[in-house]
N, C-alpha and C. Protein backbone atom coordinates (compact mmCIF):
# COMPACT_ATOMS: atom_id res chain seq x y z
N UNK A 1 0.84 -1.18 0.00
CA UNK A 1 0.00 0.00 0.00
C UNK A 1 0.89 1.24 0.00
N UNK A 2 0.48 2.28 -0.73
CA UNK A 2 1.27 3.51 -0.81
C UNK A 2 0.39 4.72 -0.53
N UNK A 3 1.04 5.86 -0.49
CA UNK A 3 0.36 7.13 -0.26
C UNK A 3 0.77 8.07 -1.40
N UNK A 4 -0.17 8.87 -1.89
CA UNK A 4 0.13 9.83 -2.94
C UNK A 4 0.73 11.08 -2.29
N UNK A 5 1.96 11.41 -2.68
CA UNK A 5 2.66 12.56 -2.12
C UNK A 5 2.78 13.63 -3.20
N UNK A 6 2.41 14.85 -2.82
CA UNK A 6 2.52 15.97 -3.74
C UNK A 6 3.20 17.12 -3.01
N UNK A 7 4.21 17.72 -3.65
CA UNK A 7 4.88 18.91 -3.12
C UNK A 7 4.61 20.04 -4.09
N UNK A 8 3.97 21.09 -3.58
CA UNK A 8 3.56 22.21 -4.41
C UNK A 8 4.18 23.49 -3.85
N UNK A 9 4.81 24.26 -4.74
CA UNK A 9 5.32 25.58 -4.36
C UNK A 9 4.46 26.62 -5.10
N UNK A 10 4.61 27.90 -4.79
CA UNK A 10 3.81 28.90 -5.52
C UNK A 10 4.05 28.87 -7.03
N UNK A 11 5.23 28.41 -7.45
CA UNK A 11 5.56 28.40 -8.87
C UNK A 11 5.04 27.19 -9.63
N UNK A 12 5.03 26.00 -8.96
CA UNK A 12 4.69 24.78 -9.70
C UNK A 12 4.50 23.59 -8.77
N UNK A 13 4.02 22.51 -9.36
CA UNK A 13 3.99 21.23 -8.66
C UNK A 13 5.38 20.63 -8.88
N UNK A 14 6.14 20.50 -7.79
CA UNK A 14 7.52 20.03 -7.88
C UNK A 14 7.60 18.50 -7.89
N UNK A 15 6.64 17.86 -7.21
CA UNK A 15 6.70 16.41 -7.07
C UNK A 15 5.28 15.88 -6.91
N UNK A 16 4.96 14.82 -7.62
CA UNK A 16 3.68 14.14 -7.46
C UNK A 16 3.93 12.67 -7.80
N UNK A 17 3.89 11.82 -6.77
CA UNK A 17 4.26 10.42 -6.97
C UNK A 17 3.74 9.60 -5.80
N UNK A 18 3.54 8.31 -6.04
CA UNK A 18 3.20 7.39 -4.96
C UNK A 18 4.47 7.06 -4.18
N UNK A 19 4.34 6.94 -2.87
CA UNK A 19 5.48 6.61 -2.01
C UNK A 19 4.99 5.78 -0.84
N UNK A 20 5.94 5.18 -0.15
CA UNK A 20 5.60 4.40 1.05
C UNK A 20 5.50 5.28 2.29
N UNK A 21 6.26 6.41 2.28
CA UNK A 21 6.25 7.30 3.43
C UNK A 21 6.90 8.62 3.03
N UNK A 22 6.43 9.71 3.66
CA UNK A 22 7.07 11.01 3.51
C UNK A 22 7.33 11.55 4.91
N UNK A 23 8.58 11.89 5.19
CA UNK A 23 8.95 12.45 6.49
C UNK A 23 9.23 13.93 6.26
N UNK A 24 8.52 14.78 7.02
CA UNK A 24 8.63 16.22 6.79
C UNK A 24 8.90 16.97 8.09
N UNK A 25 9.43 18.20 7.96
CA UNK A 25 9.79 18.99 9.15
C UNK A 25 8.60 19.78 9.69
N UNK A 26 7.85 19.19 10.57
CA UNK A 26 6.73 19.90 11.20
C UNK A 26 7.25 20.97 12.15
N UNK A 27 6.45 21.98 12.37
CA UNK A 27 6.85 23.07 13.28
C UNK A 27 7.12 22.54 14.69
N UNK A 28 6.41 21.49 15.08
CA UNK A 28 6.58 20.92 16.42
C UNK A 28 7.54 19.73 16.44
N UNK A 29 8.09 19.37 15.27
CA UNK A 29 8.99 18.22 15.16
C UNK A 29 8.69 17.46 13.88
N UNK A 30 9.59 16.58 13.49
CA UNK A 30 9.40 15.82 12.26
C UNK A 30 8.19 14.89 12.39
N UNK A 31 7.53 14.67 11.26
CA UNK A 31 6.36 13.79 11.25
C UNK A 31 6.37 12.98 9.95
N UNK A 32 5.89 11.75 10.03
CA UNK A 32 5.85 10.86 8.88
C UNK A 32 4.41 10.69 8.42
N UNK A 33 4.20 10.83 7.12
CA UNK A 33 2.90 10.54 6.51
C UNK A 33 3.00 9.17 5.86
N UNK A 34 2.10 8.28 6.26
CA UNK A 34 2.09 6.92 5.74
C UNK A 34 0.65 6.54 5.39
N UNK A 35 0.46 5.47 4.62
CA UNK A 35 -0.90 5.03 4.33
C UNK A 35 -1.70 4.82 5.61
N UNK A 36 -2.95 5.20 5.57
CA UNK A 36 -3.89 5.05 6.69
C UNK A 36 -3.60 6.00 7.85
N UNK A 37 -2.80 7.04 7.62
CA UNK A 37 -2.53 8.04 8.67
C UNK A 37 -3.82 8.80 8.97
N UNK A 38 -4.03 9.12 10.22
CA UNK A 38 -5.20 9.92 10.60
C UNK A 38 -5.10 11.30 9.94
N UNK A 39 -6.22 11.88 9.55
CA UNK A 39 -6.19 13.21 8.92
C UNK A 39 -5.56 14.25 9.85
N UNK A 40 -4.73 15.10 9.25
CA UNK A 40 -3.98 16.08 10.04
C UNK A 40 -3.54 17.22 9.13
N UNK A 41 -3.64 18.43 9.64
CA UNK A 41 -3.08 19.61 8.96
C UNK A 41 -1.99 20.13 9.89
N UNK A 42 -0.84 20.49 9.34
CA UNK A 42 0.22 21.00 10.19
C UNK A 42 1.04 22.06 9.50
N UNK A 43 1.68 22.89 10.32
CA UNK A 43 2.58 23.91 9.84
C UNK A 43 3.97 23.31 9.72
N UNK A 44 4.68 23.68 8.66
CA UNK A 44 6.03 23.18 8.44
C UNK A 44 7.05 24.26 8.76
N UNK A 45 8.20 23.83 9.26
CA UNK A 45 9.34 24.73 9.42
C UNK A 45 10.27 24.46 8.23
N UNK A 46 11.26 25.30 8.04
CA UNK A 46 12.24 25.05 7.00
C UNK A 46 13.00 23.77 7.30
N UNK A 47 13.14 22.91 6.32
CA UNK A 47 13.86 21.65 6.51
C UNK A 47 13.69 20.72 5.33
N UNK A 48 14.14 19.50 5.50
CA UNK A 48 14.18 18.51 4.42
C UNK A 48 12.98 17.57 4.50
N UNK A 49 12.39 17.31 3.34
CA UNK A 49 11.34 16.29 3.20
C UNK A 49 12.00 15.08 2.54
N UNK A 50 11.91 13.93 3.20
CA UNK A 50 12.42 12.68 2.66
C UNK A 50 11.25 11.83 2.19
N UNK A 51 11.31 11.40 0.93
CA UNK A 51 10.27 10.54 0.34
C UNK A 51 10.84 9.13 0.24
N UNK A 52 10.17 8.19 0.89
CA UNK A 52 10.63 6.81 0.94
C UNK A 52 9.90 5.94 -0.07
N UNK A 53 10.68 5.09 -0.71
CA UNK A 53 10.15 3.99 -1.52
C UNK A 53 10.78 2.74 -0.93
N UNK A 54 9.95 1.88 -0.36
CA UNK A 54 10.49 0.75 0.41
C UNK A 54 11.15 1.30 1.67
N UNK A 55 12.32 0.79 2.00
CA UNK A 55 13.02 1.23 3.21
C UNK A 55 14.06 2.31 2.93
N UNK A 56 14.10 2.81 1.69
CA UNK A 56 15.15 3.76 1.32
C UNK A 56 14.56 5.11 0.92
N UNK A 57 15.35 6.16 1.17
CA UNK A 57 14.96 7.50 0.73
C UNK A 57 15.20 7.57 -0.77
N UNK A 58 14.14 7.85 -1.52
CA UNK A 58 14.23 7.90 -2.97
C UNK A 58 14.31 9.34 -3.50
N UNK A 59 13.74 10.28 -2.76
CA UNK A 59 13.72 11.68 -3.18
C UNK A 59 13.87 12.57 -1.96
N UNK A 60 14.60 13.69 -2.13
CA UNK A 60 14.78 14.64 -1.03
C UNK A 60 14.55 16.05 -1.55
N UNK A 61 13.81 16.83 -0.76
CA UNK A 61 13.49 18.21 -1.11
C UNK A 61 13.69 19.10 0.10
N UNK A 62 14.07 20.34 -0.14
CA UNK A 62 14.10 21.33 0.92
C UNK A 62 12.85 22.17 0.80
N UNK A 63 12.14 22.37 1.92
CA UNK A 63 10.99 23.27 1.95
C UNK A 63 11.28 24.38 2.94
N UNK A 64 10.94 25.59 2.55
CA UNK A 64 11.20 26.76 3.41
C UNK A 64 9.91 27.13 4.12
N UNK A 65 9.37 26.19 4.88
CA UNK A 65 8.12 26.43 5.59
C UNK A 65 6.91 26.14 4.71
N UNK A 66 5.74 26.27 5.31
CA UNK A 66 4.49 26.01 4.59
C UNK A 66 3.53 25.21 5.44
N UNK A 67 2.70 24.42 4.76
CA UNK A 67 1.69 23.60 5.42
C UNK A 67 1.67 22.23 4.80
N UNK A 68 1.16 21.25 5.53
CA UNK A 68 0.96 19.91 5.00
C UNK A 68 -0.44 19.44 5.36
N UNK A 69 -1.06 18.78 4.40
CA UNK A 69 -2.36 18.14 4.59
C UNK A 69 -2.13 16.65 4.47
N UNK A 70 -2.29 15.94 5.58
CA UNK A 70 -2.07 14.49 5.60
C UNK A 70 -3.43 13.82 5.76
N UNK A 71 -3.66 12.81 4.94
CA UNK A 71 -4.90 12.03 4.99
C UNK A 71 -4.52 10.56 4.81
N UNK A 72 -5.47 9.64 5.00
CA UNK A 72 -5.14 8.22 4.88
C UNK A 72 -4.55 7.80 3.53
N UNK A 73 -4.91 8.51 2.44
CA UNK A 73 -4.45 8.11 1.11
C UNK A 73 -3.51 9.10 0.44
N UNK A 74 -3.33 10.28 1.04
CA UNK A 74 -2.47 11.28 0.39
C UNK A 74 -1.82 12.22 1.40
N UNK A 75 -0.78 12.90 0.90
CA UNK A 75 -0.10 13.94 1.67
C UNK A 75 0.24 15.05 0.68
N UNK A 76 -0.31 16.23 0.92
CA UNK A 76 -0.02 17.38 0.07
C UNK A 76 0.76 18.39 0.89
N UNK A 77 1.94 18.75 0.39
CA UNK A 77 2.79 19.74 1.05
C UNK A 77 2.70 21.02 0.24
N UNK A 78 2.20 22.07 0.89
CA UNK A 78 2.11 23.39 0.27
C UNK A 78 3.26 24.21 0.83
N UNK A 79 4.35 24.27 0.08
CA UNK A 79 5.58 24.88 0.57
C UNK A 79 5.67 26.35 0.16
N UNK A 80 6.20 27.16 1.09
CA UNK A 80 6.48 28.56 0.74
C UNK A 80 7.47 28.60 -0.41
N UNK A 81 8.44 27.71 -0.37
CA UNK A 81 9.45 27.54 -1.43
C UNK A 81 9.93 26.12 -1.32
N UNK A 82 10.10 25.43 -2.44
CA UNK A 82 10.57 24.04 -2.43
C UNK A 82 11.61 23.86 -3.52
N UNK A 83 12.66 23.08 -3.19
CA UNK A 83 13.77 22.86 -4.11
C UNK A 83 14.28 21.44 -3.93
N UNK A 84 14.66 20.79 -5.03
CA UNK A 84 15.34 19.51 -4.91
C UNK A 84 16.63 19.75 -4.15
N UNK A 85 16.98 18.84 -3.28
CA UNK A 85 18.16 19.01 -2.44
C UNK A 85 19.42 19.28 -3.26
N UNK A 86 19.57 18.55 -4.36
CA UNK A 86 20.78 18.71 -5.17
C UNK A 86 20.85 20.05 -5.90
N UNK A 87 19.74 20.78 -5.94
CA UNK A 87 19.72 22.09 -6.60
C UNK A 87 19.97 23.26 -5.65
N UNK A 88 20.17 22.96 -4.36
CA UNK A 88 20.42 24.02 -3.38
C UNK A 88 21.82 24.59 -3.54
N UNK A 89 21.99 25.84 -3.15
CA UNK A 89 23.28 26.50 -3.19
C UNK A 89 23.62 27.01 -1.79
N UNK A 90 24.75 26.56 -1.25
CA UNK A 90 25.19 27.02 0.06
C UNK A 90 25.40 28.53 0.02
N UNK A 91 26.03 29.03 -1.04
CA UNK A 91 26.31 30.47 -1.16
C UNK A 91 25.02 31.29 -1.16
N UNK A 92 24.01 30.85 -1.91
CA UNK A 92 22.73 31.58 -1.94
C UNK A 92 22.08 31.60 -0.57
N UNK A 93 22.09 30.45 0.11
CA UNK A 93 21.46 30.37 1.43
C UNK A 93 22.23 31.22 2.45
N UNK A 94 23.55 31.22 2.37
CA UNK A 94 24.34 32.05 3.29
C UNK A 94 24.08 33.54 3.04
N UNK A 95 23.94 33.92 1.78
CA UNK A 95 23.63 35.32 1.46
C UNK A 95 22.25 35.70 1.99
N UNK A 96 21.28 34.79 1.85
CA UNK A 96 19.93 35.02 2.36
C UNK A 96 19.96 35.19 3.88
N UNK A 97 20.71 34.32 4.56
CA UNK A 97 20.82 34.41 6.02
C UNK A 97 21.47 35.73 6.44
N UNK A 98 22.52 36.15 5.75
CA UNK A 98 23.18 37.41 6.09
C UNK A 98 22.21 38.59 5.96
N UNK A 99 21.41 38.59 4.91
CA UNK A 99 20.42 39.65 4.73
C UNK A 99 19.36 39.65 5.81
N UNK A 100 18.93 38.46 6.20
CA UNK A 100 17.93 38.34 7.26
C UNK A 100 18.49 38.78 8.61
N UNK A 101 19.73 38.41 8.89
CA UNK A 101 20.35 38.82 10.14
C UNK A 101 20.50 40.34 10.20
N UNK A 102 20.83 40.96 9.08
CA UNK A 102 20.93 42.42 9.01
C UNK A 102 19.56 43.04 9.26
N UNK A 103 18.53 42.47 8.64
CA UNK A 103 17.16 42.98 8.84
C UNK A 103 16.75 42.85 10.31
N UNK A 104 17.14 41.74 10.93
CA UNK A 104 16.81 41.53 12.34
C UNK A 104 17.50 42.58 13.23
N UNK A 105 18.77 42.82 12.95
CA UNK A 105 19.51 43.82 13.74
C UNK A 105 18.88 45.20 13.63
N UNK A 106 18.36 45.53 12.44
CA UNK A 106 17.80 46.86 12.19
C UNK A 106 16.32 46.96 12.58
N UNK A 107 15.69 45.83 12.89
CA UNK A 107 14.25 45.81 13.16
C UNK A 107 13.92 46.47 14.50
N UNK A 108 12.71 46.99 14.57
CA UNK A 108 12.17 47.55 15.81
C UNK A 108 11.96 46.39 16.79
N UNK A 109 12.71 46.39 17.88
CA UNK A 109 12.65 45.28 18.84
C UNK A 109 11.33 45.24 19.61
N UNK A 110 10.50 46.24 19.46
CA UNK A 110 9.18 46.23 20.10
C UNK A 110 8.12 45.59 19.19
N UNK A 111 8.47 45.35 17.93
CA UNK A 111 7.54 44.75 16.97
C UNK A 111 7.75 43.23 16.99
N UNK A 112 7.19 42.59 18.00
CA UNK A 112 7.40 41.16 18.22
C UNK A 112 6.91 40.31 17.04
N UNK A 113 5.74 40.58 16.44
CA UNK A 113 5.33 39.75 15.30
C UNK A 113 6.34 39.80 14.14
N UNK A 114 6.88 40.97 13.85
CA UNK A 114 7.87 41.08 12.77
C UNK A 114 9.15 40.34 13.14
N UNK A 115 9.55 40.42 14.40
CA UNK A 115 10.75 39.70 14.85
C UNK A 115 10.54 38.19 14.74
N UNK A 116 9.34 37.71 15.09
CA UNK A 116 9.04 36.28 14.98
C UNK A 116 9.15 35.80 13.53
N UNK A 117 8.65 36.59 12.60
CA UNK A 117 8.73 36.24 11.18
C UNK A 117 10.19 36.16 10.74
N UNK A 118 10.98 37.15 11.15
CA UNK A 118 12.40 37.14 10.79
C UNK A 118 13.11 35.94 11.40
N UNK A 119 12.77 35.61 12.65
CA UNK A 119 13.39 34.44 13.30
C UNK A 119 13.06 33.15 12.54
N UNK A 120 11.80 33.00 12.10
CA UNK A 120 11.41 31.81 11.33
C UNK A 120 12.18 31.75 10.01
N UNK A 121 12.34 32.89 9.37
CA UNK A 121 13.07 32.92 8.09
C UNK A 121 14.56 32.61 8.31
N UNK A 122 15.13 33.09 9.41
CA UNK A 122 16.53 32.77 9.70
C UNK A 122 16.70 31.29 9.99
N UNK A 123 15.76 30.69 10.74
CA UNK A 123 15.82 29.25 11.00
C UNK A 123 15.78 28.49 9.69
N UNK A 124 14.91 28.91 8.77
CA UNK A 124 14.79 28.25 7.48
C UNK A 124 16.08 28.37 6.68
N UNK A 125 16.70 29.56 6.69
CA UNK A 125 17.95 29.75 5.95
C UNK A 125 19.06 28.88 6.54
N UNK A 126 19.12 28.78 7.86
CA UNK A 126 20.13 27.92 8.50
C UNK A 126 19.91 26.45 8.12
N UNK A 127 18.64 26.03 8.10
CA UNK A 127 18.32 24.66 7.70
C UNK A 127 18.67 24.42 6.24
N UNK A 128 18.48 25.45 5.41
CA UNK A 128 18.83 25.32 3.99
C UNK A 128 20.34 25.18 3.81
N UNK A 129 21.11 25.93 4.57
CA UNK A 129 22.58 25.81 4.50
C UNK A 129 22.99 24.39 4.87
N UNK A 130 22.43 23.88 5.97
CA UNK A 130 22.74 22.52 6.40
C UNK A 130 22.34 21.49 5.35
N UNK A 131 21.16 21.66 4.75
CA UNK A 131 20.69 20.72 3.72
C UNK A 131 21.57 20.79 2.48
N UNK A 132 21.95 22.00 2.08
CA UNK A 132 22.80 22.17 0.90
C UNK A 132 24.17 21.52 1.13
N UNK A 133 24.72 21.69 2.34
CA UNK A 133 26.00 21.07 2.66
C UNK A 133 25.90 19.55 2.65
N UNK A 134 24.78 19.03 3.11
CA UNK A 134 24.61 17.56 3.15
C UNK A 134 24.49 16.97 1.76
N UNK A 135 24.10 17.80 0.78
CA UNK A 135 23.94 17.31 -0.60
C UNK A 135 25.26 17.30 -1.35
N UNK A 136 26.31 17.92 -0.78
CA UNK A 136 27.62 17.96 -1.45
C UNK A 136 28.37 16.67 -1.12
N UNK A 137 28.74 15.88 -2.15
CA UNK A 137 29.46 14.63 -1.88
C UNK A 137 30.74 14.88 -1.09
N UNK A 138 30.93 14.10 -0.04
CA UNK A 138 32.13 14.20 0.77
C UNK A 138 32.10 15.31 1.81
N UNK A 139 31.03 16.12 1.81
CA UNK A 139 30.92 17.23 2.77
C UNK A 139 30.28 16.69 4.03
N UNK A 140 30.91 16.90 5.17
CA UNK A 140 30.31 16.49 6.43
C UNK A 140 29.95 17.71 7.23
N UNK A 141 28.95 17.57 8.11
CA UNK A 141 28.48 18.71 8.90
C UNK A 141 29.22 18.83 10.20
C-alpha cells in the first residue's frame, strides 16, 4: 500500500508520486505521513522532506516552511518555497541568512510579530545551509 505525495510551491507542482512514506519537518517536530494516517493539517518549518520507496529515501526536497495536509491516502505539502536538495546552493542560502540577520539587527525590537517572522526565516535559511552542505558529496556537517 502507498500514499500519494505531492509537493507544491507557488511556482509549480515540484513532485507528485506514490510513495511508502514522507517524512517532513513539522513546526513541532518531524512527522511521517504513511498510508492510513489519521487526517492532520500541520505547519512546516524550514527543513528537508524525505520521500521513501520501500526502506530507502528515494527523493529529497528542501521546503522553506508552509503547510501539509495528511490524509489516509495522500499527503499534500504546500511549501512557501521548495527545491530539490541537489539544486540548493550554500552560497545563496548564506547570502539570504546574512540579509535576514541584518534585517533583524535593524528591526524595531518592540515589533514582536515582525521579529518572529524574521526568526522563522533565519531558521529556514540555516536549515537550507545545512541541507545544501549535506547534498555535497564528501561534505560532512
